[in-house]
């Protein structure tokens, strides 16, 4: 058994993830480091949890479509 010592800043911690997660991070992180990308993902997800509904429901979309159709009708008649 080989023992390794890892020296970190006092603010740094280690997060253990599966190999396939690391592969996904590497495929999507662009120019960011792994740490920067994971921090970005976590912060983004936590911020999203504080937001209200982040999508349009069916009724709201239907109203929008009707309003756009009415707008186009009015635009065409001028």
PDB file of N, CA and C in Angstrom:
ATOM      1  N   UNK A   1       0.834  -1.175   0.000  1.00  0.00           N
ATOM      2  CA  UNK A   1       0.000   0.000   0.000  1.00  0.00           C
ATOM      3  C   UNK A   1       0.884   1.245   0.000  1.00  0.00           C
ATOM      4  N   UNK A   2       0.585   2.164  -0.918  1.00  0.00           N
ATOM      5  CA  UNK A   2       1.344   3.396  -1.034  1.00  0.00           C
ATOM      6  C   UNK A   2       0.564   4.507  -0.335  1.00  0.00           C
ATOM      7  N   UNK A   3       1.234   5.264   0.502  1.00  0.00           N
ATOM      8  CA  UNK A   3       0.604   6.405   1.161  1.00  0.00           C
ATOM      9  C   UNK A   3       1.033   7.662   0.452  1.00  0.00           C
ATOM     10  N   UNK A   4       0.057   8.531   0.210  1.00  0.00           N
ATOM     11  CA  UNK A   4       0.360   9.796  -0.440  1.00  0.00           C
ATOM     12  C   UNK A   4      -0.137  10.918   0.454  1.00  0.00           C
ATOM     13  N   UNK A   5       0.608  11.995   0.477  1.00  0.00           N
ATOM     14  CA  UNK A   5       0.214  13.158   1.240  1.00  0.00           C
ATOM     15  C   UNK A   5      -0.180  14.258   0.268  1.00  0.00           C
ATOM     16  N   UNK A   6      -1.352  14.824   0.505  1.00  0.00           N
ATOM     17  CA  UNK A   6      -1.859  15.890  -0.333  1.00  0.00           C
ATOM     18  C   UNK A   6      -1.944  17.153   0.512  1.00  0.00           C
ATOM     19  N   UNK A   7      -1.256  18.184   0.078  1.00  0.00           N
ATOM     20  CA  UNK A   7      -1.249  19.440   0.814  1.00  0.00           C
ATOM     21  C   UNK A   7      -2.205  20.404   0.123  1.00  0.00           C
ATOM     22  N   UNK A   8      -3.185  20.912   0.876  1.00  0.00           N
ATOM     23  CA  UNK A   8      -4.202  21.800   0.338  1.00  0.00           C
ATOM     24  C   UNK A   8      -4.194  23.129   1.076  1.00  0.00           C
ATOM     25  N   UNK A   9      -4.758  24.145   0.413  1.00  0.00           N
ATOM     26  CA  UNK A   9      -5.003  25.392   1.121  1.00  0.00           C
ATOM     27  C   UNK A   9      -6.013  25.121   2.220  1.00  0.00           C
ATOM     28  N   UNK A  10      -6.072  25.984   3.209  1.00  0.00           N
ATOM     29  CA  UNK A  10      -7.019  25.756   4.303  1.00  0.00           C
ATOM     30  C   UNK A  10      -8.471  25.864   3.846  1.00  0.00           C
ATOM     31  N   UNK A  11      -8.736  26.517   2.704  1.00  0.00           N
ATOM     32  CA  UNK A  11     -10.089  26.635   2.192  1.00  0.00           C
ATOM     33  C   UNK A  11     -10.453  25.524   1.220  1.00  0.00           C
ATOM     34  N   UNK A  12      -9.524  24.663   0.862  1.00  0.00           N
ATOM     35  CA  UNK A  12      -9.771  23.635  -0.141  1.00  0.00           C
ATOM     36  C   UNK A  12     -10.164  22.318   0.526  1.00  0.00           C
ATOM     37  N   UNK A  13     -11.077  21.620  -0.127  1.00  0.00           N
ATOM     38  CA  UNK A  13     -11.496  20.297   0.320  1.00  0.00           C
ATOM     39  C   UNK A  13     -11.463  19.356  -0.875  1.00  0.00           C
ATOM     40  N   UNK A  14     -11.553  18.078  -0.613  1.00  0.00           N
ATOM     41  CA  UNK A  14     -11.555  17.080  -1.666  1.00  0.00           C
ATOM     42  C   UNK A  14     -12.960  16.519  -1.796  1.00  0.00           C
ATOM     43  N   UNK A  15     -13.414  16.385  -3.045  1.00  0.00           N
ATOM     44  CA  UNK A  15     -14.704  15.792  -3.348  1.00  0.00           C
ATOM     45  C   UNK A  15     -14.443  14.547  -4.179  1.00  0.00           C
ATOM     46  N   UNK A  16     -14.910  13.410  -3.721  1.00  0.00           N
ATOM     47  CA  UNK A  16     -14.698  12.158  -4.434  1.00  0.00           C
ATOM     48  C   UNK A  16     -15.896  11.919  -5.344  1.00  0.00           C
ATOM     49  N   UNK A  17     -15.610  11.716  -6.629  1.00  0.00           N
ATOM     50  CA  UNK A  17     -16.668  11.461  -7.611  1.00  0.00           C
ATOM     51  C   UNK A  17     -16.275  10.265  -8.468  1.00  0.00           C
ATOM     52  N   UNK A  18     -17.268   9.676  -9.116  1.00  0.00           N
ATOM     53  CA  UNK A  18     -17.020   8.543 -10.003  1.00  0.00           C
ATOM     54  C   UNK A  18     -16.227   8.979 -11.229  1.00  0.00           C
ATOM     55  N   UNK A  19     -15.530   8.017 -11.828  1.00  0.00           N
ATOM     56  CA  UNK A  19     -14.698   8.287 -12.993  1.00  0.00           C
ATOM     57  C   UNK A  19     -15.518   8.853 -14.153  1.00  0.00           C
ATOM     58  N   UNK A  20     -16.754   8.371 -14.334  1.00  0.00           N
ATOM     59  CA  UNK A  20     -17.581   8.874 -15.436  1.00  0.00           C
ATOM     60  C   UNK A  20     -17.989  10.324 -15.219  1.00  0.00           C
ATOM     61  N   UNK A  21     -18.109  10.752 -13.969  1.00  0.00           N
ATOM     62  CA  UNK A  21     -18.410  12.164 -13.683  1.00  0.00           C
ATOM     63  C   UNK A  21     -17.217  13.035 -14.069  1.00  0.00           C
ATOM     64  N   UNK A  22     -16.033  12.587 -13.750  1.00  0.00           N
ATOM     65  CA  UNK A  22     -14.821  13.328 -14.126  1.00  0.00           C
ATOM     66  C   UNK A  22     -14.734  13.442 -15.644  1.00  0.00           C
ATOM     67  N   UNK A  23     -15.093  12.362 -16.348  1.00  0.00           N
ATOM     68  CA  UNK A  23     -15.070  12.388 -17.806  1.00  0.00           C
ATOM     69  C   UNK A  23     -16.055  13.427 -18.333  1.00  0.00           C
ATOM     70  N   UNK A  24     -17.267  13.483 -17.770  1.00  0.00           N
ATOM     71  CA  UNK A  24     -18.262  14.477 -18.187  1.00  0.00           C
ATOM     72  C   UNK A  24     -17.776  15.895 -17.905  1.00  0.00           C
ATOM     73  N   UNK A  25     -17.161  16.087 -16.750  1.00  0.00           N
ATOM     74  CA  UNK A  25     -16.614  17.401 -16.407  1.00  0.00           C
ATOM     75  C   UNK A  25     -15.561  17.794 -17.439  1.00  0.00           C
ATOM     76  N   UNK A  26     -14.651  16.895 -17.726  1.00  0.00           N
ATOM     77  CA  UNK A  26     -13.580  17.196 -18.684  1.00  0.00           C
ATOM     78  C   UNK A  26     -14.122  17.492 -20.079  1.00  0.00           C
ATOM     79  N   UNK A  27     -15.188  16.794 -20.481  1.00  0.00           N
ATOM     80  CA  UNK A  27     -15.768  17.009 -21.810  1.00  0.00           C
ATOM     81  C   UNK A  27     -16.498  18.341 -21.931  1.00  0.00           C
ATOM     82  N   UNK A  28     -16.922  18.922 -20.804  1.00  0.00           N
ATOM     83  CA  UNK A  28     -17.770  20.108 -20.850  1.00  0.00           C
ATOM     84  C   UNK A  28     -17.177  21.361 -20.228  1.00  0.00           C
ATOM     85  N   UNK A  29     -16.007  21.283 -19.649  1.00  0.00           N
ATOM     86  CA  UNK A  29     -15.486  22.412 -18.883  1.00  0.00           C
ATOM     87  C   UNK A  29     -14.795  23.482 -19.714  1.00  0.00           C
ATOM     88  N   UNK A  30     -14.515  23.194 -20.960  1.00  0.00           N
ATOM     89  CA  UNK A  30     -13.866  24.186 -21.803  1.00  0.00           C
ATOM     90  C   UNK A  30     -12.526  24.595 -21.235  1.00  0.00           C
ATOM     91  N   UNK A  31     -12.321  25.910 -21.077  1.00  0.00           N
ATOM     92  CA  UNK A  31     -11.049  26.438 -20.574  1.00  0.00           C
ATOM     93  C   UNK A  31     -10.978  26.479 -19.044  1.00  0.00           C
ATOM     94  N   UNK A  32     -12.080  26.163 -18.372  1.00  0.00           N
ATOM     95  CA  UNK A  32     -12.091  26.180 -16.911  1.00  0.00           C
ATOM     96  C   UNK A  32     -11.326  24.984 -16.357  1.00  0.00           C
ATOM     97  N   UNK A  33     -10.781  25.141 -15.172  1.00  0.00           N
ATOM     98  CA  UNK A  33     -10.197  23.990 -14.494  1.00  0.00           C
ATOM     99  C   UNK A  33     -11.334  23.115 -13.976  1.00  0.00           C
ATOM    100  N   UNK A  34     -11.015  21.912 -13.594  1.00  0.00           N
ATOM    101  CA  UNK A  34     -12.049  21.037 -13.022  1.00  0.00           C
ATOM    102  C   UNK A  34     -12.693  21.697 -11.812  1.00  0.00           C
ATOM    103  N   UNK A  35     -11.879  22.270 -10.954  1.00  0.00           N
ATOM    104  CA  UNK A  35     -12.396  22.910  -9.745  1.00  0.00           C
ATOM    105  C   UNK A  35     -13.312  24.075 -10.077  1.00  0.00           C
ATOM    106  N   UNK A  36     -12.892  24.934 -11.007  1.00  0.00           N
ATOM    107  CA  UNK A  36     -13.717  26.079 -11.395  1.00  0.00           C
ATOM    108  C   UNK A  36     -15.053  25.622 -11.975  1.00  0.00           C
ATOM    109  N   UNK A  37     -15.013  24.580 -12.804  1.00  0.00           N
ATOM    110  CA  UNK A  37     -16.230  24.094 -13.448  1.00  0.00           C
ATOM    111  C   UNK A  37     -17.190  23.477 -12.436  1.00  0.00           C
ATOM    112  N   UNK A  38     -16.684  22.646 -11.549  1.00  0.00           N
ATOM    113  CA  UNK A  38     -17.539  22.028 -10.526  1.00  0.00           C
ATOM    114  C   UNK A  38     -18.117  23.098  -9.606  1.00  0.00           C
ATOM    115  N   UNK A  39     -17.310  24.078  -9.224  1.00  0.00           N
ATOM    116  CA  UNK A  39     -17.823  25.181  -8.400  1.00  0.00           C
ATOM    117  C   UNK A  39     -18.935  25.928  -9.125  1.00  0.00           C
ATOM    118  N   UNK A  40     -18.724  26.203 -10.416  1.00  0.00           N
ATOM    119  CA  UNK A  40     -19.744  26.877 -11.219  1.00  0.00           C
ATOM    120  C   UNK A  40     -21.042  26.073 -11.246  1.00  0.00           C
ATOM    121  N   UNK A  41     -20.945  24.770 -11.491  1.00  0.00           N
ATOM    122  CA  UNK A  41     -22.142  23.928 -11.542  1.00  0.00           C
ATOM    123  C   UNK A  41     -22.892  23.916 -10.211  1.00  0.00           C
ATOM    124  N   UNK A  42     -22.155  23.779  -9.141  1.00  0.00           N
ATOM    125  CA  UNK A  42     -22.786  23.729  -7.818  1.00  0.00           C
ATOM    126  C   UNK A  42     -23.445  25.061  -7.493  1.00  0.00           C
ATOM    127  N   UNK A  43     -22.749  26.164  -7.712  1.00  0.00           N
ATOM    128  CA  UNK A  43     -23.329  27.485  -7.440  1.00  0.00           C
ATOM    129  C   UNK A  43     -24.552  27.740  -8.313  1.00  0.00           C
ATOM    130  N   UNK A  44     -24.479  27.349  -9.577  1.00  0.00           N
ATOM    131  CA  UNK A  44     -25.616  27.543 -10.481  1.00  0.00           C
ATOM    132  C   UNK A  44     -26.825  26.756 -10.005  1.00  0.00           C
ATOM    133  N   UNK A  45     -26.607  25.536  -9.590  1.00  0.00           N
ATOM    134  CA  UNK A  45     -27.709  24.693  -9.137  1.00  0.00           C
ATOM    135  C   UNK A  45     -28.320  25.230  -7.852  1.00  0.00           C
ATOM    136  N   UNK A  46     -27.490  25.691  -6.947  1.00  0.00           N
ATOM    137  CA  UNK A  46     -28.004  26.215  -5.686  1.00  0.00           C
ATOM    138  C   UNK A  46     -28.774  27.514  -5.896  1.00  0.00           C
ATOM    139  N   UNK A  47     -28.305  28.368  -6.789  1.00  0.00           N
ATOM    140  CA  UNK A  47     -29.025  29.604  -7.104  1.00  0.00           C
ATOM    141  C   UNK A  47     -30.363  29.291  -7.731  1.00  0.00           C
ATOM    142  N   UNK A  48     -30.405  28.283  -8.605  1.00  0.00           N
ATOM    143  CA  UNK A  48     -31.645  27.917  -9.282  1.00  0.00           C
ATOM    144  C   UNK A  48     -32.678  27.444  -8.275  1.00  0.00           C
ATOM    145  N   UNK A  49     -32.249  26.800  -7.222  1.00  0.00           N
ATOM    146  CA  UNK A  49     -33.182  26.338  -6.204  1.00  0.00           C
ATOM    147  C   UNK A  49     -33.905  27.483  -5.521  1.00  0.00           C
ATOM    148  N   UNK A  50     -33.288  28.661  -5.488  1.00  0.00           N
ATOM    149  CA  UNK A  50     -33.903  29.826  -4.861  1.00  0.00           C
ATOM    150  C   UNK A  50     -34.867  30.544  -5.783  1.00  0.00           C
ATOM    151  N   UNK A  51     -34.786  30.270  -7.069  1.00  0.00           N
ATOM    152  CA  UNK A  51     -35.677  30.908  -8.024  1.00  0.00           C
ATOM    153  C   UNK A  51     -37.030  30.232  -7.998  1.00  0.00           C
ATOM    154  N   UNK A  52     -38.013  30.965  -8.461  1.00  0.00           N
ATOM    155  CA  UNK A  52     -39.310  30.342  -8.621  1.00  0.00           C
ATOM    156  C   UNK A  52     -39.327  29.600  -9.941  1.00  0.00           C
ATOM    157  N   UNK A  53     -40.482  29.339 -10.443  1.00  0.00           N
ATOM    158  CA  UNK A  53     -40.676  28.575 -11.673  1.00  0.00           C
ATOM    159  C   UNK A  53     -39.773  29.075 -12.796  1.00  0.00           C
ATOM    160  N   UNK A  54     -38.996  28.184 -13.375  1.00  0.00           N
ATOM    161  CA  UNK A  54     -38.041  28.546 -14.426  1.00  0.00           C
ATOM    162  C   UNK A  54     -38.497  28.025 -15.784  1.00  0.00           C
ATOM    163  N   UNK A  55     -39.804  27.913 -15.971  1.00  0.00           N
ATOM    164  CA  UNK A  55     -40.339  27.413 -17.227  1.00  0.00           C
ATOM    165  C   UNK A  55     -41.734  27.984 -17.430  1.00  0.00           C
ATOM    166  N   UNK A  56     -42.247  27.823 -18.618  1.00  0.00           N
ATOM    167  CA  UNK A  56     -43.574  28.312 -18.960  1.00  0.00           C
ATOM    168  C   UNK A  56     -44.516  27.115 -18.953  1.00  0.00           C
ATOM    169  N   UNK A  57     -45.641  27.245 -18.247  1.00  0.00           N
ATOM    170  CA  UNK A  57     -46.590  26.136 -18.259  1.00  0.00           C
ATOM    171  C   UNK A  57     -47.444  26.184 -19.529  1.00  0.00           C
ATOM    172  N   UNK A  58     -48.204  25.152 -19.750  1.00  0.00           N
ATOM    173  CA  UNK A  58     -48.960  24.997 -20.994  1.00  0.00           C
ATOM    174  C   UNK A  58     -49.963  26.139 -21.199  1.00  0.00           C
ATOM    175  N   UNK A  59     -50.672  26.521 -20.153  1.00  0.00           N
ATOM    176  CA  UNK A  59     -51.670  27.591 -20.262  1.00  0.00           C
ATOM    177  C   UNK A  59     -51.023  28.928 -20.609  1.00  0.00           C
ATOM    178  N   UNK A  60     -49.905  29.232 -19.968  1.00  0.00           N
ATOM    179  CA  UNK A  60     -49.207  30.485 -20.241  1.00  0.00           C
ATOM    180  C   UNK A  60     -48.695  30.515 -21.683  1.00  0.00           C
ATOM    181  N   UNK A  61     -48.185  29.387 -22.150  1.00  0.00           N
ATOM    182  CA  UNK A  61     -47.708  29.306 -23.528  1.00  0.00           C
ATOM    183  C   UNK A  61     -48.871  29.485 -24.505  1.00  0.00           C
ATOM    184  N   UNK A  62     -50.001  28.870 -24.203  1.00  0.00           N
ATOM    185  CA  UNK A  62     -51.180  28.996 -25.069  1.00  0.00           C
ATOM    186  C   UNK A  62     -51.629  30.461 -25.151  1.00  0.00           C
ATOM    187  N   UNK A  63     -51.661  31.170 -24.019  1.00  0.00           N
ATOM    188  CA  UNK A  63     -52.013  32.597 -24.015  1.00  0.00           C
ATOM    189  C   UNK A  63     -51.028  33.391 -24.863  1.00  0.00           C
ATOM    190  N   UNK A  64     -49.746  33.072 -24.736  1.00  0.00           N
ATOM    191  CA  UNK A  64     -48.718  33.748 -25.510  1.00  0.00           C
ATOM    192  C   UNK A  64     -48.956  33.552 -27.008  1.00  0.00           C
ATOM    193  N   UNK A  65     -49.241  32.311 -27.412  1.00  0.00           N
ATOM    194  CA  UNK A  65     -49.481  32.015 -28.822  1.00  0.00           C
ATOM    195  C   UNK A  65     -50.680  32.815 -29.324  1.00  0.00           C
ATOM    196  N   UNK A  66     -51.742  32.857 -28.539  1.00  0.00           N
ATOM    197  CA  UNK A  66     -52.936  33.602 -28.938  1.00  0.00           C
ATOM    198  C   UNK A  66     -52.629  35.096 -29.077  1.00  0.00           C
ATOM    199  N   UNK A  67     -51.857  35.648 -28.154  1.00  0.00           N
ATOM    200  CA  UNK A  67     -51.499  37.070 -28.213  1.00  0.00           C
ATOM    201  C   UNK A  67     -50.628  37.368 -29.436  1.00  0.00           C
ATOM    202  N   UNK A  68     -49.717  36.478 -29.758  1.00  0.00           N
ATOM    203  CA  UNK A  68     -48.866  36.679 -30.937  1.00  0.00           C
ATOM    204  C   UNK A  68     -49.713  36.610 -32.205  1.00  0.00           C
ATOM    205  N   UNK A  69     -50.637  35.658 -32.265  1.00  0.00           N
ATOM    206  CA  UNK A  69     -51.526  35.562 -33.431  1.00  0.00           C
ATOM    207  C   UNK A  69     -52.343  36.843 -33.586  1.00  0.00           C
ATOM    208  N   UNK A  70     -52.867  37.355 -32.474  1.00  0.00           N
ATOM    209  CA  UNK A  70     -53.657  38.590 -32.512  1.00  0.00           C
ATOM    210  C   UNK A  70     -52.773  39.762 -32.965  1.00  0.00           C
ATOM    211  N   UNK A  71     -51.563  39.821 -32.448  1.00  0.00           N
ATOM    212  CA  UNK A  71     -50.634  40.870 -32.853  1.00  0.00           C
ATOM    213  C   UNK A  71     -50.348  40.810 -34.348  1.00  0.00           C
ATOM    214  N   UNK A  72     -50.132  39.616 -34.867  1.00  0.00           N
ATOM    215  CA  UNK A  72     -49.866  39.451 -36.296  1.00  0.00           C
ATOM    216  C   UNK A  72     -51.078  39.828 -37.145  1.00  0.00           C
ATOM    217  N   UNK A  73     -52.268  39.484 -36.665  1.00  0.00           N
ATOM    218  CA  UNK A  73     -53.485  39.883 -37.378  1.00  0.00           C
ATOM    219  C   UNK A  73     -53.593  41.394 -37.427  1.00  0.00           C
ATOM    220  N   UNK A  74     -53.350  42.053 -36.296  1.00  0.00           N
ATOM    221  CA  UNK A  74     -53.439  43.510 -36.233  1.00  0.00           C
ATOM    222  C   UNK A  74     -52.355  44.160 -37.085  1.00  0.00           C
ATOM    223  N   UNK A  75     -51.190  43.579 -37.098  1.00  0.00           N
ATOM    224  CA  UNK A  75     -50.089  44.110 -37.896  1.00  0.00           C
ATOM    225  C   UNK A  75     -50.393  43.998 -39.384  1.00  0.00           C
ATOM    226  N   UNK A  76     -51.020  42.895 -39.778  1.00  0.00           N
ATOM    227  CA  UNK A  76     -51.357  42.671 -41.167  1.00  0.00           C
ATOM    228  C   UNK A  76     -52.475  43.562 -41.662  1.00  0.00           C
ATOM    229  N   UNK A  77     -53.330  44.039 -40.751  1.00  0.00           N
ATOM    230  CA  UNK A  77     -54.468  44.863 -41.178  1.00  0.00           C
ATOM    231  C   UNK A  77     -54.144  46.348 -41.194  1.00  0.00           C
ATOM    232  N   UNK A  78     -52.949  46.720 -40.789  1.00  0.00           N
ATOM    233  CA  UNK A  78     -52.591  48.155 -40.820  1.00  0.00           C
ATOM    234  C   UNK A  78     -51.858  48.527 -42.061  1.00  0.00           C
TER     235      UNK A  78
END
